[in-house]
Amino acid sequence: LPPSVLNGPLSRQRAWSWTGCDLAGVE
């Protein structure tokens, strides 16, 4: 694919977070 900031060498540092909502609305 064309170069992207989302691709490249990885470091050892990670960030992890989450979001969400009620499933009924999505269904």
PDB file of all heavy atoms in Angstrom:
ATOM      1  N   LEU A   1       0.830  -1.190   0.000  1.00  0.00           N
ATOM      2  CA  LEU A   1       0.000   0.000   0.000  1.00  0.00           C
ATOM      3  C   LEU A   1       0.874   1.253   0.000  1.00  0.00           C
ATOM      4  O   LEU A   1       2.067   1.183   0.302  1.00  0.00           O
ATOM      5  CB  LEU A   1      -0.889  -0.006   1.249  1.00  0.00           C
ATOM      6  CG  LEU A   1      -1.799  -1.211   1.442  1.00  0.00           C
ATOM      7  CD1 LEU A   1      -2.507  -1.112   2.788  1.00  0.00           C
ATOM      8  CD2 LEU A   1      -2.812  -1.316   0.317  1.00  0.00           C
ATOM      9  N   PRO A   2       0.285   2.423  -0.330  1.00  0.00           N
ATOM     10  CA  PRO A   2       1.049   3.672  -0.218  1.00  0.00           C
ATOM     11  C   PRO A   2       1.531   3.876   1.217  1.00  0.00           C
ATOM     12  O   PRO A   2       0.903   3.386   2.169  1.00  0.00           O
ATOM     13  CB  PRO A   2       0.029   4.747  -0.623  1.00  0.00           C
ATOM     14  CG  PRO A   2      -0.982   4.023  -1.456  1.00  0.00           C
ATOM     15  CD  PRO A   2      -1.057   2.637  -0.885  1.00  0.00           C
ATOM     16  N   PRO A   3       2.648   4.574   1.424  1.00  0.00           N
ATOM     17  CA  PRO A   3       3.152   4.811   2.782  1.00  0.00           C
ATOM     18  C   PRO A   3       2.099   5.463   3.669  1.00  0.00           C
ATOM     19  O   PRO A   3       1.301   6.284   3.221  1.00  0.00           O
ATOM     20  CB  PRO A   3       4.338   5.751   2.551  1.00  0.00           C
ATOM     21  CG  PRO A   3       4.763   5.496   1.139  1.00  0.00           C
ATOM     22  CD  PRO A   3       3.503   5.179   0.388  1.00  0.00           C
ATOM     23  N   SER A   4       2.090   5.069   4.935  1.00  0.00           N
ATOM     24  CA  SER A   4       1.095   5.580   5.876  1.00  0.00           C
ATOM     25  C   SER A   4       1.713   5.673   7.256  1.00  0.00           C
ATOM     26  O   SER A   4       2.582   4.869   7.623  1.00  0.00           O
ATOM     27  CB  SER A   4      -0.124   4.654   5.912  1.00  0.00           C
ATOM     28  OG  SER A   4      -0.944   4.924   7.028  1.00  0.00           O
ATOM     29  N   VAL A   5       1.239   6.638   8.027  1.00  0.00           N
ATOM     30  CA  VAL A   5       1.694   6.765   9.404  1.00  0.00           C
ATOM     31  C   VAL A   5       1.258   5.561  10.239  1.00  0.00           C
ATOM     32  O   VAL A   5       1.808   5.296  11.311  1.00  0.00           O
ATOM     33  CB  VAL A   5       1.147   8.077  10.020  1.00  0.00           C
ATOM     34  CG1 VAL A   5      -0.360   7.994  10.194  1.00  0.00           C
ATOM     35  CG2 VAL A   5       1.819   8.394  11.338  1.00  0.00           C
ATOM     36  N   LEU A   6       0.284   4.799   9.727  1.00  0.00           N
ATOM     37  CA  LEU A   6      -0.216   3.635  10.446  1.00  0.00           C
ATOM     38  C   LEU A   6       0.646   2.403  10.246  1.00  0.00           C
ATOM     39  O   LEU A   6       0.421   1.384  10.893  1.00  0.00           O
ATOM     40  CB  LEU A   6      -1.650   3.330   9.996  1.00  0.00           C
ATOM     41  CG  LEU A   6      -2.658   4.460  10.188  1.00  0.00           C
ATOM     42  CD1 LEU A   6      -4.008   4.077   9.603  1.00  0.00           C
ATOM     43  CD2 LEU A   6      -2.795   4.822  11.656  1.00  0.00           C
ATOM     44  N   ASN A   7       1.618   2.484   9.348  1.00  0.00           N
ATOM     45  CA  ASN A   7       2.557   1.387   9.116  1.00  0.00           C
ATOM     46  C   ASN A   7       3.977   1.850   9.378  1.00  0.00           C
ATOM     47  O   ASN A   7       4.327   2.990   9.099  1.00  0.00           O
ATOM     48  CB  ASN A   7       2.472   0.886   7.663  1.00  0.00           C
ATOM     49  CG  ASN A   7       1.279  -0.017   7.437  1.00  0.00           C
ATOM     50  OD1 ASN A   7       0.248   0.446   7.018  1.00  0.00           O
ATOM     51  ND2 ASN A   7       1.439  -1.285   7.722  1.00  0.00           N
ATOM     52  N   GLY A   8       4.789   0.941   9.893  1.00  0.00           N
ATOM     53  CA  GLY A   8       6.195   1.267  10.088  1.00  0.00           C
ATOM     54  C   GLY A   8       6.786   0.461  11.221  1.00  0.00           C
ATOM     55  O   GLY A   8       6.107  -0.353  11.866  1.00  0.00           O
ATOM     56  N   PRO A   9       8.070   0.660  11.489  1.00  0.00           N
ATOM     57  CA  PRO A   9       8.725  -0.056  12.589  1.00  0.00           C
ATOM     58  C   PRO A   9       8.011   0.188  13.914  1.00  0.00           C
ATOM     59  O   PRO A   9       7.494   1.283  14.166  1.00  0.00           O
ATOM     60  CB  PRO A   9      10.139   0.536  12.597  1.00  0.00           C
ATOM     61  CG  PRO A   9      10.336   1.085  11.217  1.00  0.00           C
ATOM     62  CD  PRO A   9       8.993   1.552  10.772  1.00  0.00           C
ATOM     63  N   LEU A  10       7.979  -0.841  14.754  1.00  0.00           N
ATOM     64  CA  LEU A  10       7.300  -0.760  16.039  1.00  0.00           C
ATOM     65  C   LEU A  10       8.294  -0.563  17.168  1.00  0.00           C
ATOM     66  O   LEU A  10       9.400  -1.099  17.140  1.00  0.00           O
ATOM     67  CB  LEU A  10       6.487  -2.031  16.290  1.00  0.00           C
ATOM     68  CG  LEU A  10       5.437  -2.399  15.227  1.00  0.00           C
ATOM     69  CD1 LEU A  10       4.718  -3.679  15.642  1.00  0.00           C
ATOM     70  CD2 LEU A  10       4.446  -1.282  15.012  1.00  0.00           C
ATOM     71  N   SER A  11       7.881   0.199  18.170  1.00  0.00           N
ATOM     72  CA  SER A  11       8.677   0.349  19.382  1.00  0.00           C
ATOM     73  C   SER A  11       8.212  -0.687  20.407  1.00  0.00           C
ATOM     74  O   SER A  11       7.372  -1.544  20.110  1.00  0.00           O
ATOM     75  CB  SER A  11       8.521   1.765  19.942  1.00  0.00           C
ATOM     76  OG  SER A  11       7.223   1.931  20.508  1.00  0.00           O
ATOM     77  N   ARG A  12       8.706  -0.577  21.617  1.00  0.00           N
ATOM     78  CA  ARG A  12       8.288  -1.494  22.678  1.00  0.00           C
ATOM     79  C   ARG A  12       7.164  -0.916  23.531  1.00  0.00           C
ATOM     80  O   ARG A  12       6.702  -1.567  24.471  1.00  0.00           O
ATOM     81  CB  ARG A  12       9.484  -1.829  23.581  1.00  0.00           C
ATOM     82  CG  ARG A  12      10.604  -2.565  22.855  1.00  0.00           C
ATOM     83  CD  ARG A  12      11.705  -2.940  23.824  1.00  0.00           C
ATOM     84  NE  ARG A  12      12.775  -3.681  23.161  1.00  0.00           N
ATOM     85  CZ  ARG A  12      13.856  -4.153  23.781  1.00  0.00           C
ATOM     86  NH1 ARG A  12      13.995  -3.966  25.082  1.00  0.00           N
ATOM     87  NH2 ARG A  12      14.774  -4.825  23.110  1.00  0.00           N
ATOM     88  N   GLN A  13       6.728   0.280  23.221  1.00  0.00           N
ATOM     89  CA  GLN A  13       5.733   0.957  24.030  1.00  0.00           C
ATOM     90  C   GLN A  13       4.339   0.765  23.428  1.00  0.00           C
ATOM     91  O   GLN A  13       4.161   0.846  22.211  1.00  0.00           O
ATOM     92  CB  GLN A  13       6.046   2.452  24.129  1.00  0.00           C
ATOM     93  CG  GLN A  13       7.445   2.753  24.620  1.00  0.00           C
ATOM     94  CD  GLN A  13       7.713   2.158  25.999  1.00  0.00           C
ATOM     95  OE1 GLN A  13       6.871   2.235  26.893  1.00  0.00           O
ATOM     96  NE2 GLN A  13       8.884   1.569  26.169  1.00  0.00           N
ATOM     97  N   ARG A  14       3.351   0.524  24.300  1.00  0.00           N
ATOM     98  CA  ARG A  14       1.993   0.289  23.848  1.00  0.00           C
ATOM     99  C   ARG A  14       1.015   1.187  24.606  1.00  0.00           C
ATOM    100  O   ARG A  14       1.196   1.500  25.784  1.00  0.00           O
ATOM    101  CB  ARG A  14       1.581  -1.179  24.064  1.00  0.00           C
ATOM    102  CG  ARG A  14       2.455  -2.175  23.329  1.00  0.00           C
ATOM    103  CD  ARG A  14       2.196  -2.133  21.830  1.00  0.00           C
ATOM    104  NE  ARG A  14       3.006  -3.099  21.118  1.00  0.00           N
ATOM    105  CZ  ARG A  14       4.198  -2.818  20.597  1.00  0.00           C
ATOM    106  NH1 ARG A  14       4.713  -1.592  20.728  1.00  0.00           N
ATOM    107  NH2 ARG A  14       4.881  -3.736  19.942  1.00  0.00           N
ATOM    108  N   ALA A  15      -0.031   1.582  23.893  1.00  0.00           N
ATOM    109  CA  ALA A  15      -1.168   2.276  24.502  1.00  0.00           C
ATOM    110  C   ALA A  15      -2.410   1.432  24.241  1.00  0.00           C
ATOM    111  O   ALA A  15      -2.570   0.875  23.152  1.00  0.00           O
ATOM    112  CB  ALA A  15      -1.332   3.667  23.895  1.00  0.00           C
ATOM    113  N   TRP A  16      -3.276   1.351  25.242  1.00  0.00           N
ATOM    114  CA  TRP A  16      -4.482   0.528  25.108  1.00  0.00           C
ATOM    115  C   TRP A  16      -5.635   1.243  25.802  1.00  0.00           C
ATOM    116  O   TRP A  16      -5.521   1.654  26.963  1.00  0.00           O
ATOM    117  CB  TRP A  16      -4.261  -0.840  25.737  1.00  0.00           C
ATOM    118  CG  TRP A  16      -5.461  -1.744  25.738  1.00  0.00           C
ATOM    119  CD1 TRP A  16      -6.249  -2.058  24.672  1.00  0.00           C
ATOM    120  CD2 TRP A  16      -6.003  -2.449  26.863  1.00  0.00           C
ATOM    121  NE1 TRP A  16      -7.261  -2.931  25.049  1.00  0.00           N
ATOM    122  CE2 TRP A  16      -7.123  -3.190  26.385  1.00  0.00           C
ATOM    123  CE3 TRP A  16      -5.650  -2.545  28.202  1.00  0.00           C
ATOM    124  CZ2 TRP A  16      -7.889  -3.990  27.219  1.00  0.00           C
ATOM    125  CZ3 TRP A  16      -6.418  -3.347  29.039  1.00  0.00           C
ATOM    126  CH2 TRP A  16      -7.522  -4.069  28.547  1.00  0.00           C
ATOM    127  N   SER A  17      -6.716   1.425  25.072  1.00  0.00           N
ATOM    128  CA  SER A  17      -7.900   2.058  25.647  1.00  0.00           C
ATOM    129  C   SER A  17      -9.128   1.536  24.923  1.00  0.00           C
ATOM    130  O   SER A  17      -9.012   0.772  23.960  1.00  0.00           O
ATOM    131  CB  SER A  17      -7.802   3.582  25.528  1.00  0.00           C
ATOM    132  OG  SER A  17      -8.856   4.202  26.267  1.00  0.00           O
ATOM    133  N   TRP A  18     -10.306   1.951  25.388  1.00  0.00           N
ATOM    134  CA  TRP A  18     -11.508   1.391  24.804  1.00  0.00           C
ATOM    135  C   TRP A  18     -12.665   2.378  24.883  1.00  0.00           C
ATOM    136  O   TRP A  18     -12.642   3.359  25.627  1.00  0.00           O
ATOM    137  CB  TRP A  18     -11.892   0.084  25.478  1.00  0.00           C
ATOM    138  CG  TRP A  18     -12.067   0.163  26.963  1.00  0.00           C
ATOM    139  CD1 TRP A  18     -13.230   0.417  27.647  1.00  0.00           C
ATOM    140  CD2 TRP A  18     -11.047  -0.003  27.961  1.00  0.00           C
ATOM    141  NE1 TRP A  18     -13.003   0.411  29.005  1.00  0.00           N
ATOM    142  CE2 TRP A  18     -11.677   0.160  29.218  1.00  0.00           C
ATOM    143  CE3 TRP A  18      -9.682  -0.281  27.913  1.00  0.00           C
ATOM    144  CZ2 TRP A  18     -10.968   0.059  30.424  1.00  0.00           C
ATOM    145  CZ3 TRP A  18      -8.978  -0.383  29.096  1.00  0.00           C
ATOM    146  CH2 TRP A  18      -9.618  -0.220  30.334  1.00  0.00           C
ATOM    147  N   THR A  19     -13.677   2.097  24.086  1.00  0.00           N
ATOM    148  CA  THR A  19     -14.906   2.863  24.058  1.00  0.00           C
ATOM    149  C   THR A  19     -16.041   1.899  23.772  1.00  0.00           C
ATOM    150  O   THR A  19     -15.797   0.740  23.426  1.00  0.00           O
ATOM    151  CB  THR A  19     -14.848   3.963  22.970  1.00  0.00           C
ATOM    152  OG1 THR A  19     -16.021   4.779  23.034  1.00  0.00           O
ATOM    153  CG2 THR A  19     -14.760   3.362  21.566  1.00  0.00           C
ATOM    154  N   GLY A  20     -17.280   2.342  23.914  1.00  0.00           N
ATOM    155  CA  GLY A  20     -18.380   1.427  23.667  1.00  0.00           C
ATOM    156  C   GLY A  20     -19.732   2.087  23.805  1.00  0.00           C
ATOM    157  O   GLY A  20     -19.848   3.300  24.002  1.00  0.00           O
ATOM    158  N   CYS A  21     -20.773   1.271  23.676  1.00  0.00           N
ATOM    159  CA  CYS A  21     -22.144   1.757  23.783  1.00  0.00           C
ATOM    160  C   CYS A  21     -23.055   0.558  24.027  1.00  0.00           C
ATOM    161  O   CYS A  21     -22.608  -0.591  24.026  1.00  0.00           O
ATOM    162  CB  CYS A  21     -22.558   2.512  22.523  1.00  0.00           C
ATOM    163  SG  CYS A  21     -22.636   1.468  21.042  1.00  0.00           S
ATOM    164  N   ASP A  22     -24.358   0.832  24.196  1.00  0.00           N
ATOM    165  CA  ASP A  22     -25.325  -0.252  24.354  1.00  0.00           C
ATOM    166  C   ASP A  22     -25.444  -1.019  23.042  1.00  0.00           C
ATOM    167  O   ASP A  22     -25.531  -0.435  21.957  1.00  0.00           O
ATOM    168  CB  ASP A  22     -26.689   0.306  24.753  1.00  0.00           C
ATOM    169  CG  ASP A  22     -26.703   0.820  26.186  1.00  0.00           C
ATOM    170  OD1 ASP A  22     -25.832   0.399  26.968  1.00  0.00           O
ATOM    171  OD2 ASP A  22     -27.571   1.660  26.500  1.00  0.00           O
ATOM    172  N   LEU A  23     -25.483  -2.336  23.144  1.00  0.00           N
ATOM    173  CA  LEU A  23     -25.574  -3.182  21.958  1.00  0.00           C
ATOM    174  C   LEU A  23     -26.928  -3.043  21.270  1.00  0.00           C
ATOM    175  O   LEU A  23     -27.016  -3.128  20.039  1.00  0.00           O
ATOM    176  CB  LEU A  23     -25.320  -4.640  22.349  1.00  0.00           C
ATOM    177  CG  LEU A  23     -25.420  -5.691  21.246  1.00  0.00           C
ATOM    178  CD1 LEU A  23     -24.407  -5.422  20.144  1.00  0.00           C
ATOM    179  CD2 LEU A  23     -25.218  -7.096  21.837  1.00  0.00           C
ATOM    180  N   ALA A  24     -27.993  -2.800  22.028  1.00  0.00           N
ATOM    181  CA  ALA A  24     -29.335  -2.751  21.455  1.00  0.00           C
ATOM    182  C   ALA A  24     -29.440  -1.682  20.374  1.00  0.00           C
ATOM    183  O   ALA A  24     -30.063  -1.902  19.324  1.00  0.00           O
ATOM    184  CB  ALA A  24     -30.370  -2.494  22.553  1.00  0.00           C
ATOM    185  N   GLY A  25     -28.843  -0.522  20.604  1.00  0.00           N
ATOM    186  CA  GLY A  25     -28.896   0.545  19.614  1.00  0.00           C
ATOM    187  C   GLY A  25     -28.186   0.173  18.331  1.00  0.00           C
ATOM    188  O   GLY A  25     -28.661   0.473  17.230  1.00  0.00           O
ATOM    189  N   VAL A  26     -27.052  -0.488  18.455  1.00  0.00           N
ATOM    190  CA  VAL A  26     -26.293  -0.911  17.272  1.00  0.00           C
ATOM    191  C   VAL A  26     -27.073  -1.973  16.503  1.00  0.00           C
ATOM    192  O   VAL A  26     -27.145  -1.931  15.265  1.00  0.00           O
ATOM    193  CB  VAL A  26     -24.908  -1.444  17.691  1.00  0.00           C
ATOM    194  CG1 VAL A  26     -24.132  -1.957  16.483  1.00  0.00           C
ATOM    195  CG2 VAL A  26     -24.117  -0.358  18.407  1.00  0.00           C
ATOM    196  N   GLU A  27     -27.664  -2.916  17.216  1.00  0.00           N
ATOM    197  CA  GLU A  27     -28.452  -3.956  16.546  1.00  0.00           C
ATOM    198  C   GLU A  27     -29.684  -3.353  15.860  1.00  0.00           C
ATOM    199  O   GLU A  27     -30.079  -3.821  14.777  1.00  0.00           O
ATOM    200  CB  GLU A  27     -28.863  -5.016  17.559  1.00  0.00           C
ATOM    201  CG  GLU A  27     -27.698  -5.861  18.063  1.00  0.00           C
ATOM    202  CD  GLU A  27     -28.121  -6.906  19.064  1.00  0.00           C
ATOM    203  OE1 GLU A  27     -29.115  -6.657  19.793  1.00  0.00           O
ATOM    204  OE2 GLU A  27     -27.483  -7.966  19.137  1.00  0.00           O
TER     205      GLU A  27
END
